[in-house]
């Protein structure tokens, strides 16, 4: 029987996300859905995004922190908060790929 695991506010906390995946014993038939904010506050934003992009079991809706970053990359938002700016710098070399996700 497949399950849908719903999480929120991952915020770049990759290690904690992996611990959660292990704790719930995520199976190949399961899905993990994030209800927004994959990035910004934690230290491993790239790892979180890469996991969600490569593993079809993982999906997400756009949260306000995610949206702020995408809007900045598209030129629709000039200023970012300090944590958002740090995240932007971390992801800058892959920004087109991440913005498309």
PDB file of N, CA and C in Angstrom:
ATOM      1  N   UNK A   1       0.841  -1.177   0.000  1.00  0.00           N
ATOM      2  CA  UNK A   1       0.000   0.000   0.000  1.00  0.00           C
ATOM      3  C   UNK A   1       0.888   1.242   0.000  1.00  0.00           C
ATOM      4  N   UNK A   2       0.648   2.138  -0.927  1.00  0.00           N
ATOM      5  CA  UNK A   2       1.453   3.358  -1.001  1.00  0.00           C
ATOM      6  C   UNK A   2       0.918   4.421  -0.047  1.00  0.00           C
ATOM      7  N   UNK A   3       1.822   5.281   0.375  1.00  0.00           N
ATOM      8  CA  UNK A   3       1.465   6.364   1.289  1.00  0.00           C
ATOM      9  C   UNK A   3       1.875   7.692   0.679  1.00  0.00           C
ATOM     10  N   UNK A   4       1.208   8.747   1.117  1.00  0.00           N
ATOM     11  CA  UNK A   4       1.624  10.103   0.798  1.00  0.00           C
ATOM     12  C   UNK A   4       2.028  10.759   2.108  1.00  0.00           C
ATOM     13  N   UNK A   5       3.296  11.132   2.197  1.00  0.00           N
ATOM     14  CA  UNK A   5       3.838  11.791   3.375  1.00  0.00           C
ATOM     15  C   UNK A   5       3.874  13.283   3.062  1.00  0.00           C
ATOM     16  N   UNK A   6       3.252  14.097   3.897  1.00  0.00           N
ATOM     17  CA  UNK A   6       3.195  15.542   3.673  1.00  0.00           C
ATOM     18  C   UNK A   6       4.075  16.235   4.709  1.00  0.00           C
ATOM     19  N   UNK A   7       4.980  17.079   4.220  1.00  0.00           N
ATOM     20  CA  UNK A   7       5.866  17.848   5.097  1.00  0.00           C
ATOM     21  C   UNK A   7       5.812  19.313   4.691  1.00  0.00           C
ATOM     22  N   UNK A   8       6.241  20.166   5.570  1.00  0.00           N
ATOM     23  CA  UNK A   8       6.297  21.588   5.254  1.00  0.00           C
ATOM     24  C   UNK A   8       7.596  22.197   5.730  1.00  0.00           C
ATOM     25  N   UNK A   9       7.972  23.286   5.093  1.00  0.00           N
ATOM     26  CA  UNK A   9       9.082  24.107   5.559  1.00  0.00           C
ATOM     27  C   UNK A   9      10.385  23.334   5.747  1.00  0.00           C
ATOM     28  N   UNK A  10      10.844  22.693   4.699  1.00  0.00           N
ATOM     29  CA  UNK A  10      12.125  21.991   4.737  1.00  0.00           C
ATOM     30  C   UNK A  10      13.266  23.004   4.891  1.00  0.00           C
ATOM     31  N   UNK A  11      13.161  24.136   4.215  1.00  0.00           N
ATOM     32  CA  UNK A  11      14.091  25.271   4.352  1.00  0.00           C
ATOM     33  C   UNK A  11      15.565  24.900   4.235  1.00  0.00           C
ATOM     34  N   UNK A  12      15.897  24.023   3.297  1.00  0.00           N
ATOM     35  CA  UNK A  12      17.300  23.699   3.073  1.00  0.00           C
ATOM     36  C   UNK A  12      17.920  22.789   4.115  1.00  0.00           C
ATOM     37  N   UNK A  13      17.111  22.185   4.950  1.00  0.00           N
ATOM     38  CA  UNK A  13      17.604  21.287   6.010  1.00  0.00           C
ATOM     39  C   UNK A  13      17.655  19.856   5.478  1.00  0.00           C
ATOM     40  N   UNK A  14      18.646  19.600   4.653  1.00  0.00           N
ATOM     41  CA  UNK A  14      18.778  18.325   3.952  1.00  0.00           C
ATOM     42  C   UNK A  14      18.969  17.145   4.898  1.00  0.00           C
ATOM     43  N   UNK A  15      19.863  17.265   5.847  1.00  0.00           N
ATOM     44  CA  UNK A  15      20.133  16.149   6.758  1.00  0.00           C
ATOM     45  C   UNK A  15      18.893  15.783   7.565  1.00  0.00           C
ATOM     46  N   UNK A  16      18.170  16.786   8.016  1.00  0.00           N
ATOM     47  CA  UNK A  16      16.938  16.542   8.765  1.00  0.00           C
ATOM     48  C   UNK A  16      15.882  15.894   7.878  1.00  0.00           C
ATOM     49  N   UNK A  17      15.830  16.298   6.609  1.00  0.00           N
ATOM     50  CA  UNK A  17      14.894  15.684   5.665  1.00  0.00           C
ATOM     51  C   UNK A  17      15.227  14.207   5.464  1.00  0.00           C
ATOM     52  N   UNK A  18      16.508  13.898   5.290  1.00  0.00           N
ATOM     53  CA  UNK A  18      16.904  12.495   5.132  1.00  0.00           C
ATOM     54  C   UNK A  18      16.582  11.683   6.381  1.00  0.00           C
ATOM     55  N   UNK A  19      16.749  12.281   7.551  1.00  0.00           N
ATOM     56  CA  UNK A  19      16.398  11.586   8.797  1.00  0.00           C
ATOM     57  C   UNK A  19      14.904  11.290   8.839  1.00  0.00           C
ATOM     58  N   UNK A  20      14.096  12.233   8.364  1.00  0.00           N
ATOM     59  CA  UNK A  20      12.649  12.022   8.311  1.00  0.00           C
ATOM     60  C   UNK A  20      12.301  10.904   7.331  1.00  0.00           C
ATOM     61  N   UNK A  21      12.926  10.928   6.159  1.00  0.00           N
ATOM     62  CA  UNK A  21      12.694   9.886   5.152  1.00  0.00           C
ATOM     63  C   UNK A  21      13.031   8.513   5.736  1.00  0.00           C
ATOM     64  N   UNK A  22      14.120   8.446   6.466  1.00  0.00           N
ATOM     65  CA  UNK A  22      14.508   7.180   7.101  1.00  0.00           C
ATOM     66  C   UNK A  22      13.510   6.796   8.191  1.00  0.00           C
ATOM     67  N   UNK A  23      13.096   7.769   8.976  1.00  0.00           N
ATOM     68  CA  UNK A  23      12.174   7.486  10.090  1.00  0.00           C
ATOM     69  C   UNK A  23      10.833   6.933   9.603  1.00  0.00           C
ATOM     70  N   UNK A  24      10.324   7.483   8.498  1.00  0.00           N
ATOM     71  CA  UNK A  24       9.038   7.000   7.976  1.00  0.00           C
ATOM     72  C   UNK A  24       9.220   5.797   7.057  1.00  0.00           C
ATOM     73  N   UNK A  25      10.472   5.400   6.846  1.00  0.00           N
ATOM     74  CA  UNK A  25      10.799   4.263   5.974  1.00  0.00           C
ATOM     75  C   UNK A  25      10.130   4.418   4.608  1.00  0.00           C
ATOM     76  N   UNK A  26      10.439   5.542   3.942  1.00  0.00           N
ATOM     77  CA  UNK A  26       9.857   5.844   2.637  1.00  0.00           C
ATOM     78  C   UNK A  26      10.160   4.719   1.653  1.00  0.00           C
ATOM     79  N   UNK A  27       9.109   4.190   1.044  1.00  0.00           N
ATOM     80  CA  UNK A  27       9.228   3.080   0.097  1.00  0.00           C
ATOM     81  C   UNK A  27       9.155   3.601  -1.334  1.00  0.00           C
ATOM     82  N   UNK A  28       9.497   2.751  -2.272  1.00  0.00           N
ATOM     83  CA  UNK A  28       9.447   3.127  -3.690  1.00  0.00           C
ATOM     84  C   UNK A  28       8.040   3.517  -4.131  1.00  0.00           C
ATOM     85  N   UNK A  29       7.027   2.950  -3.517  1.00  0.00           N
ATOM     86  CA  UNK A  29       5.642   3.245  -3.904  1.00  0.00           C
ATOM     87  C   UNK A  29       5.074   4.475  -3.189  1.00  0.00           C
ATOM     88  N   UNK A  30       5.806   5.031  -2.236  1.00  0.00           N
ATOM     89  CA  UNK A  30       5.339   6.197  -1.476  1.00  0.00           C
ATOM     90  C   UNK A  30       5.645   7.494  -2.209  1.00  0.00           C
ATOM     91  N   UNK A  31       4.988   8.553  -1.762  1.00  0.00           N
ATOM     92  CA  UNK A  31       5.269   9.908  -2.248  1.00  0.00           C
ATOM     93  C   UNK A  31       5.515  10.800  -1.045  1.00  0.00           C
ATOM     94  N   UNK A  32       6.409  11.756  -1.209  1.00  0.00           N
ATOM     95  CA  UNK A  32       6.635  12.772  -0.192  1.00  0.00           C
ATOM     96  C   UNK A  32       6.354  14.116  -0.834  1.00  0.00           C
ATOM     97  N   UNK A  33       5.411  14.850  -0.265  1.00  0.00           N
ATOM     98  CA  UNK A  33       4.994  16.138  -0.809  1.00  0.00           C
ATOM     99  C   UNK A  33       5.340  17.222   0.200  1.00  0.00           C
ATOM    100  N   UNK A  34       6.046  18.237  -0.262  1.00  0.00           N
ATOM    101  CA  UNK A  34       6.352  19.390   0.586  1.00  0.00           C
ATOM    102  C   UNK A  34       5.358  20.498   0.253  1.00  0.00           C
ATOM    103  N   UNK A  35       4.764  21.071   1.274  1.00  0.00           N
ATOM    104  CA  UNK A  35       3.755  22.114   1.065  1.00  0.00           C
ATOM    105  C   UNK A  35       4.382  23.509   1.017  1.00  0.00           C
ATOM    106  N   UNK A  36       5.632  23.572   0.611  1.00  0.00           N
ATOM    107  CA  UNK A  36       6.277  24.855   0.363  1.00  0.00           C
ATOM    108  C   UNK A  36       7.519  25.089   1.198  1.00  0.00           C
ATOM    109  N   UNK A  37       8.312  26.048   0.731  1.00  0.00           N
ATOM    110  CA  UNK A  37       9.542  26.476   1.395  1.00  0.00           C
ATOM    111  C   UNK A  37      10.584  25.366   1.479  1.00  0.00           C
ATOM    112  N   UNK A  38      11.026  24.926   0.313  1.00  0.00           N
ATOM    113  CA  UNK A  38      12.116  23.954   0.249  1.00  0.00           C
ATOM    114  C   UNK A  38      13.448  24.587   0.635  1.00  0.00           C
ATOM    115  N   UNK A  39      13.593  25.880   0.384  1.00  0.00           N
ATOM    116  CA  UNK A  39      14.897  26.532   0.538  1.00  0.00           C
ATOM    117  C   UNK A  39      14.849  27.747   1.458  1.00  0.00           C
ATOM    118  N   UNK A  40      16.010  28.276   1.726  1.00  0.00           N
ATOM    119  CA  UNK A  40      16.360  29.559   2.311  1.00  0.00           C
ATOM    120  C   UNK A  40      17.053  29.473   3.662  1.00  0.00           C
ATOM    121  N   UNK A  41      16.502  28.905   4.672  1.00  0.00           N
ATOM    122  CA  UNK A  41      17.085  29.062   6.007  1.00  0.00           C
ATOM    123  C   UNK A  41      18.222  28.095   6.327  1.00  0.00           C
ATOM    124  N   UNK A  42      18.199  26.897   5.787  1.00  0.00           N
ATOM    125  CA  UNK A  42      19.205  25.887   6.099  1.00  0.00           C
ATOM    126  C   UNK A  42      20.474  26.039   5.284  1.00  0.00           C
ATOM    127  N   UNK A  43      21.394  25.120   5.505  1.00  0.00           N
ATOM    128  CA  UNK A  43      22.720  25.183   4.891  1.00  0.00           C
ATOM    129  C   UNK A  43      22.861  24.348   3.620  1.00  0.00           C
ATOM    130  N   UNK A  44      21.863  23.521   3.288  1.00  0.00           N
ATOM    131  CA  UNK A  44      22.014  22.602   2.153  1.00  0.00           C
ATOM    132  C   UNK A  44      20.845  22.729   1.181  1.00  0.00           C
ATOM    133  N   UNK A  45      20.636  23.951   0.707  1.00  0.00           N
ATOM    134  CA  UNK A  45      19.541  24.220  -0.223  1.00  0.00           C
ATOM    135  C   UNK A  45      19.709  23.457  -1.530  1.00  0.00           C
ATOM    136  N   UNK A  46      20.929  23.434  -2.045  1.00  0.00           N
ATOM    137  CA  UNK A  46      21.209  22.739  -3.312  1.00  0.00           C
ATOM    138  C   UNK A  46      20.870  21.251  -3.192  1.00  0.00           C
ATOM    139  N   UNK A  47      21.273  20.630  -2.097  1.00  0.00           N
ATOM    140  CA  UNK A  47      21.025  19.210  -1.906  1.00  0.00           C
ATOM    141  C   UNK A  47      19.532  18.910  -1.835  1.00  0.00           C
ATOM    142  N   UNK A  48      18.790  19.783  -1.145  1.00  0.00           N
ATOM    143  CA  UNK A  48      17.331  19.598  -1.057  1.00  0.00           C
ATOM    144  C   UNK A  48      16.711  19.683  -2.443  1.00  0.00           C
ATOM    145  N   UNK A  49      17.032  20.729  -3.191  1.00  0.00           N
ATOM    146  CA  UNK A  49      16.456  20.886  -4.528  1.00  0.00           C
ATOM    147  C   UNK A  49      16.846  19.727  -5.443  1.00  0.00           C
ATOM    148  N   UNK A  50      18.108  19.334  -5.402  1.00  0.00           N
ATOM    149  CA  UNK A  50      18.553  18.228  -6.258  1.00  0.00           C
ATOM    150  C   UNK A  50      17.801  16.939  -5.940  1.00  0.00           C
ATOM    151  N   UNK A  51      17.562  16.668  -4.673  1.00  0.00           N
ATOM    152  CA  UNK A  51      16.798  15.478  -4.289  1.00  0.00           C
ATOM    153  C   UNK A  51      15.386  15.531  -4.861  1.00  0.00           C
ATOM    154  N   UNK A  52      14.712  16.663  -4.701  1.00  0.00           N
ATOM    155  CA  UNK A  52      13.342  16.792  -5.203  1.00  0.00           C
ATOM    156  C   UNK A  52      13.297  16.733  -6.728  1.00  0.00           C
ATOM    157  N   UNK A  53      14.357  17.169  -7.386  1.00  0.00           N
ATOM    158  CA  UNK A  53      14.380  17.158  -8.845  1.00  0.00           C
ATOM    159  C   UNK A  53      14.694  15.770  -9.417  1.00  0.00           C
ATOM    160  N   UNK A  54      15.482  14.971  -8.712  1.00  0.00           N
ATOM    161  CA  UNK A  54      15.907  13.682  -9.279  1.00  0.00           C
ATOM    162  C   UNK A  54      15.042  12.500  -8.867  1.00  0.00           C
ATOM    163  N   UNK A  55      14.315  12.615  -7.773  1.00  0.00           N
ATOM    164  CA  UNK A  55      13.543  11.481  -7.259  1.00  0.00           C
ATOM    165  C   UNK A  55      12.055  11.743  -7.475  1.00  0.00           C
ATOM    166  N   UNK A  56      11.430  10.964  -8.338  1.00  0.00           N
ATOM    167  CA  UNK A  56      10.023  11.178  -8.704  1.00  0.00           C
ATOM    168  C   UNK A  56       9.066  11.007  -7.533  1.00  0.00           C
ATOM    169  N   UNK A  57       9.517  10.413  -6.451  1.00  0.00           N
ATOM    170  CA  UNK A  57       8.650  10.273  -5.269  1.00  0.00           C
ATOM    171  C   UNK A  57       8.462  11.599  -4.540  1.00  0.00           C
ATOM    172  N   UNK A  58       9.306  12.576  -4.827  1.00  0.00           N
ATOM    173  CA  UNK A  58       9.298  13.858  -4.132  1.00  0.00           C
ATOM    174  C   UNK A  58       8.673  14.937  -5.013  1.00  0.00           C
ATOM    175  N   UNK A  59       7.769  15.721  -4.433  1.00  0.00           N
ATOM    176  CA  UNK A  59       7.189  16.861  -5.146  1.00  0.00           C
ATOM    177  C   UNK A  59       6.928  17.980  -4.147  1.00  0.00           C
ATOM    178  N   UNK A  60       6.694  19.169  -4.687  1.00  0.00           N
ATOM    179  CA  UNK A  60       6.507  20.325  -3.811  1.00  0.00           C
ATOM    180  C   UNK A  60       5.670  21.385  -4.503  1.00  0.00           C
ATOM    181  N   UNK A  61       4.995  22.169  -3.697  1.00  0.00           N
ATOM    182  CA  UNK A  61       4.384  23.397  -4.188  1.00  0.00           C
ATOM    183  C   UNK A  61       5.322  24.537  -3.812  1.00  0.00           C
ATOM    184  N   UNK A  62       5.160  25.667  -4.468  1.00  0.00           N
ATOM    185  CA  UNK A  62       6.024  26.819  -4.244  1.00  0.00           C
ATOM    186  C   UNK A  62       5.606  27.550  -2.971  1.00  0.00           C
ATOM    187  N   UNK A  63       6.542  27.722  -2.056  1.00  0.00           N
ATOM    188  CA  UNK A  63       6.287  28.482  -0.835  1.00  0.00           C
ATOM    189  C   UNK A  63       6.721  29.926  -0.999  1.00  0.00           C
ATOM    190  N   UNK A  64       6.444  30.747  -0.015  1.00  0.00           N
ATOM    191  CA  UNK A  64       6.772  32.168  -0.126  1.00  0.00           C
ATOM    192  C   UNK A  64       8.280  32.414  -0.226  1.00  0.00           C
ATOM    193  N   UNK A  65       9.103  31.632   0.455  1.00  0.00           N
ATOM    194  CA  UNK A  65      10.553  31.799   0.346  1.00  0.00           C
ATOM    195  C   UNK A  65      11.046  31.334  -1.021  1.00  0.00           C
ATOM    196  N   UNK A  66      10.505  30.229  -1.513  1.00  0.00           N
ATOM    197  CA  UNK A  66      10.851  29.743  -2.851  1.00  0.00           C
ATOM    198  C   UNK A  66      10.466  30.786  -3.901  1.00  0.00           C
ATOM    199  N   UNK A  67       9.262  31.308  -3.756  1.00  0.00           N
ATOM    200  CA  UNK A  67       8.745  32.291  -4.715  1.00  0.00           C
ATOM    201  C   UNK A  67       9.605  33.555  -4.737  1.00  0.00           C
ATOM    202  N   UNK A  68      10.032  34.030  -3.577  1.00  0.00           N
ATOM    203  CA  UNK A  68      10.864  35.237  -3.516  1.00  0.00           C
ATOM    204  C   UNK A  68      12.142  35.051  -4.324  1.00  0.00           C
ATOM    205  N   UNK A  69      12.744  33.894  -4.208  1.00  0.00           N
ATOM    206  CA  UNK A  69      13.977  33.610  -4.934  1.00  0.00           C
ATOM    207  C   UNK A  69      13.738  33.556  -6.441  1.00  0.00           C
ATOM    208  N   UNK A  70      12.699  32.861  -6.857  1.00  0.00           N
ATOM    209  CA  UNK A  70      12.376  32.764  -8.286  1.00  0.00           C
ATOM    210  C   UNK A  70      12.041  34.141  -8.850  1.00  0.00           C
ATOM    211  N   UNK A  71      11.259  34.926  -8.127  1.00  0.00           N
ATOM    212  CA  UNK A  71      10.922  36.278  -8.588  1.00  0.00           C
ATOM    213  C   UNK A  71      12.175  37.136  -8.727  1.00  0.00           C
ATOM    214  N   UNK A  72      13.111  36.994  -7.812  1.00  0.00           N
ATOM    215  CA  UNK A  72      14.365  37.748  -7.906  1.00  0.00           C
ATOM    216  C   UNK A  72      15.128  37.346  -9.165  1.00  0.00           C
ATOM    217  N   UNK A  73      15.233  36.049  -9.415  1.00  0.00           N
ATOM    218  CA  UNK A  73      15.938  35.575 -10.599  1.00  0.00           C
ATOM    219  C   UNK A  73      15.280  36.055 -11.886  1.00  0.00           C
ATOM    220  N   UNK A  74      13.972  36.221 -11.870  1.00  0.00           N
ATOM    221  CA  UNK A  74      13.251  36.670 -13.065  1.00  0.00           C
ATOM    222  C   UNK A  74      13.197  38.186 -13.174  1.00  0.00           C
ATOM    223  N   UNK A  75      13.793  38.896 -12.210  1.00  0.00           N
ATOM    224  CA  UNK A  75      13.843  40.349 -12.251  1.00  0.00           C
ATOM    225  C   UNK A  75      12.619  41.039 -11.706  1.00  0.00           C
ATOM    226  N   UNK A  76      11.699  40.304 -11.126  1.00  0.00           N
ATOM    227  CA  UNK A  76      10.457  40.890 -10.616  1.00  0.00           C
ATOM    228  C   UNK A  76      10.576  41.322  -9.159  1.00  0.00           C
ATOM    229  N   UNK A  77      11.692  41.020  -8.521  1.00  0.00           N
ATOM    230  CA  UNK A  77      11.880  41.365  -7.105  1.00  0.00           C
ATOM    231  C   UNK A  77      13.327  41.813  -6.937  1.00  0.00           C
ATOM    232  N   UNK A  78      13.505  43.049  -6.526  1.00  0.00           N
ATOM    233  CA  UNK A  78      14.854  43.603  -6.431  1.00  0.00           C
ATOM    234  C   UNK A  78      15.580  43.177  -5.159  1.00  0.00           C
ATOM    235  N   UNK A  79      14.916  43.262  -4.034  1.00  0.00           N
ATOM    236  CA  UNK A  79      15.578  43.025  -2.753  1.00  0.00           C
ATOM    237  C   UNK A  79      15.266  41.645  -2.188  1.00  0.00           C
ATOM    238  N   UNK A  80      16.260  41.096  -1.536  1.00  0.00           N
ATOM    239  CA  UNK A  80      16.095  39.837  -0.820  1.00  0.00           C
ATOM    240  C   UNK A  80      16.512  40.043   0.629  1.00  0.00           C
ATOM    241  N   UNK A  81      15.897  39.305   1.522  1.00  0.00           N
ATOM    242  CA  UNK A  81      16.309  39.312   2.922  1.00  0.00           C
ATOM    243  C   UNK A  81      17.665  38.609   3.015  1.00  0.00           C
ATOM    244  N   UNK A  82      18.421  38.828   4.096  1.00  0.00           N
ATOM    245  CA  UNK A  82      19.764  38.230   4.192  1.00  0.00           C
ATOM    246  C   UNK A  82      19.804  36.713   3.978  1.00  0.00           C
ATOM    247  N   UNK A  83      18.902  35.967   4.567  1.00  0.00           N
ATOM    248  CA  UNK A  83      18.899  34.508   4.380  1.00  0.00           C
ATOM    249  C   UNK A  83      18.575  34.142   2.933  1.00  0.00           C
ATOM    250  N   UNK A  84      17.683  34.904   2.309  1.00  0.00           N
ATOM    251  CA  UNK A  84      17.350  34.663   0.904  1.00  0.00           C
ATOM    252  C   UNK A  84      18.550  34.970   0.013  1.00  0.00           C
ATOM    253  N   UNK A  85      19.287  36.025   0.338  1.00  0.00           N
ATOM    254  CA  UNK A  85      20.477  36.389  -0.436  1.00  0.00           C
ATOM    255  C   UNK A  85      21.554  35.311  -0.317  1.00  0.00           C
ATOM    256  N   UNK A  86      21.742  34.768   0.870  1.00  0.00           N
ATOM    257  CA  UNK A  86      22.707  33.688   1.059  1.00  0.00           C
ATOM    258  C   UNK A  86      22.322  32.470   0.219  1.00  0.00           C
ATOM    259  N   UNK A  87      21.037  32.152   0.209  1.00  0.00           N
ATOM    260  CA  UNK A  87      20.536  31.030  -0.586  1.00  0.00           C
ATOM    261  C   UNK A  87      20.720  31.308  -2.075  1.00  0.00           C
ATOM    262  N   UNK A  88      20.425  32.531  -2.498  1.00  0.00           N
ATOM    263  CA  UNK A  88      20.602  32.905  -3.904  1.00  0.00           C
ATOM    264  C   UNK A  88      22.043  32.692  -4.332  1.00  0.00           C
ATOM    265  N   UNK A  89      22.979  33.128  -3.490  1.00  0.00           N
ATOM    266  CA  UNK A  89      24.397  32.973  -3.818  1.00  0.00           C
ATOM    267  C   UNK A  89      24.781  31.495  -3.919  1.00  0.00           C
ATOM    268  N   UNK A  90      24.244  30.675  -3.029  1.00  0.00           N
ATOM    269  CA  UNK A  90      24.535  29.237  -3.042  1.00  0.00           C
ATOM    270  C   UNK A  90      24.054  28.582  -4.335  1.00  0.00           C
ATOM    271  N   UNK A  91      22.916  29.024  -4.836  1.00  0.00           N
ATOM    272  CA  UNK A  91      22.276  28.376  -5.987  1.00  0.00           C
ATOM    273  C   UNK A  91      22.538  29.078  -7.313  1.00  0.00           C
ATOM    274  N   UNK A  92      23.276  30.177  -7.297  1.00  0.00           N
ATOM    275  CA  UNK A  92      23.416  31.036  -8.475  1.00  0.00           C
ATOM    276  C   UNK A  92      23.887  30.290  -9.715  1.00  0.00           C
ATOM    277  N   UNK A  93      24.856  29.407  -9.590  1.00  0.00           N
ATOM    278  CA  UNK A  93      25.382  28.745 -10.785  1.00  0.00           C
ATOM    279  C   UNK A  93      24.390  27.771 -11.419  1.00  0.00           C
ATOM    280  N   UNK A  94      23.334  27.402 -10.705  1.00  0.00           N
ATOM    281  CA  UNK A  94      22.301  26.528 -11.263  1.00  0.00           C
ATOM    282  C   UNK A  94      20.946  27.202 -11.331  1.00  0.00           C
ATOM    283  N   UNK A  95      20.943  28.524 -11.293  1.00  0.00           N
ATOM    284  CA  UNK A  95      19.681  29.259 -11.146  1.00  0.00           C
ATOM    285  C   UNK A  95      18.652  28.958 -12.230  1.00  0.00           C
ATOM    286  N   UNK A  96      19.053  28.806 -13.480  1.00  0.00           N
ATOM    287  CA  UNK A  96      18.081  28.526 -14.547  1.00  0.00           C
ATOM    288  C   UNK A  96      17.412  27.174 -14.323  1.00  0.00           C
ATOM    289  N   UNK A  97      18.202  26.195 -13.960  1.00  0.00           N
ATOM    290  CA  UNK A  97      17.670  24.852 -13.703  1.00  0.00           C
ATOM    291  C   UNK A  97      16.747  24.865 -12.490  1.00  0.00           C
ATOM    292  N   UNK A  98      17.161  25.547 -11.425  1.00  0.00           N
ATOM    293  CA  UNK A  98      16.348  25.587 -10.209  1.00  0.00           C
ATOM    294  C   UNK A  98      15.087  26.425 -10.408  1.00  0.00           C
ATOM    295  N   UNK A  99      15.191  27.535 -11.123  1.00  0.00           N
ATOM    296  CA  UNK A  99      14.013  28.377 -11.368  1.00  0.00           C
ATOM    297  C   UNK A  99      12.984  27.635 -12.214  1.00  0.00           C
ATOM    298  N   UNK A 100      13.442  26.800 -13.140  1.00  0.00           N
ATOM    299  CA  UNK A 100      12.525  26.036 -13.993  1.00  0.00           C
ATOM    300  C   UNK A 100      11.805  24.944 -13.214  1.00  0.00           C
ATOM    301  N   UNK A 101      12.425  24.468 -12.131  1.00  0.00           N
ATOM    302  CA  UNK A 101      11.830  23.420 -11.314  1.00  0.00           C
ATOM    303  C   UNK A 101      10.637  23.977 -10.566  1.00  0.00           C
TER     304      UNK A 101
END
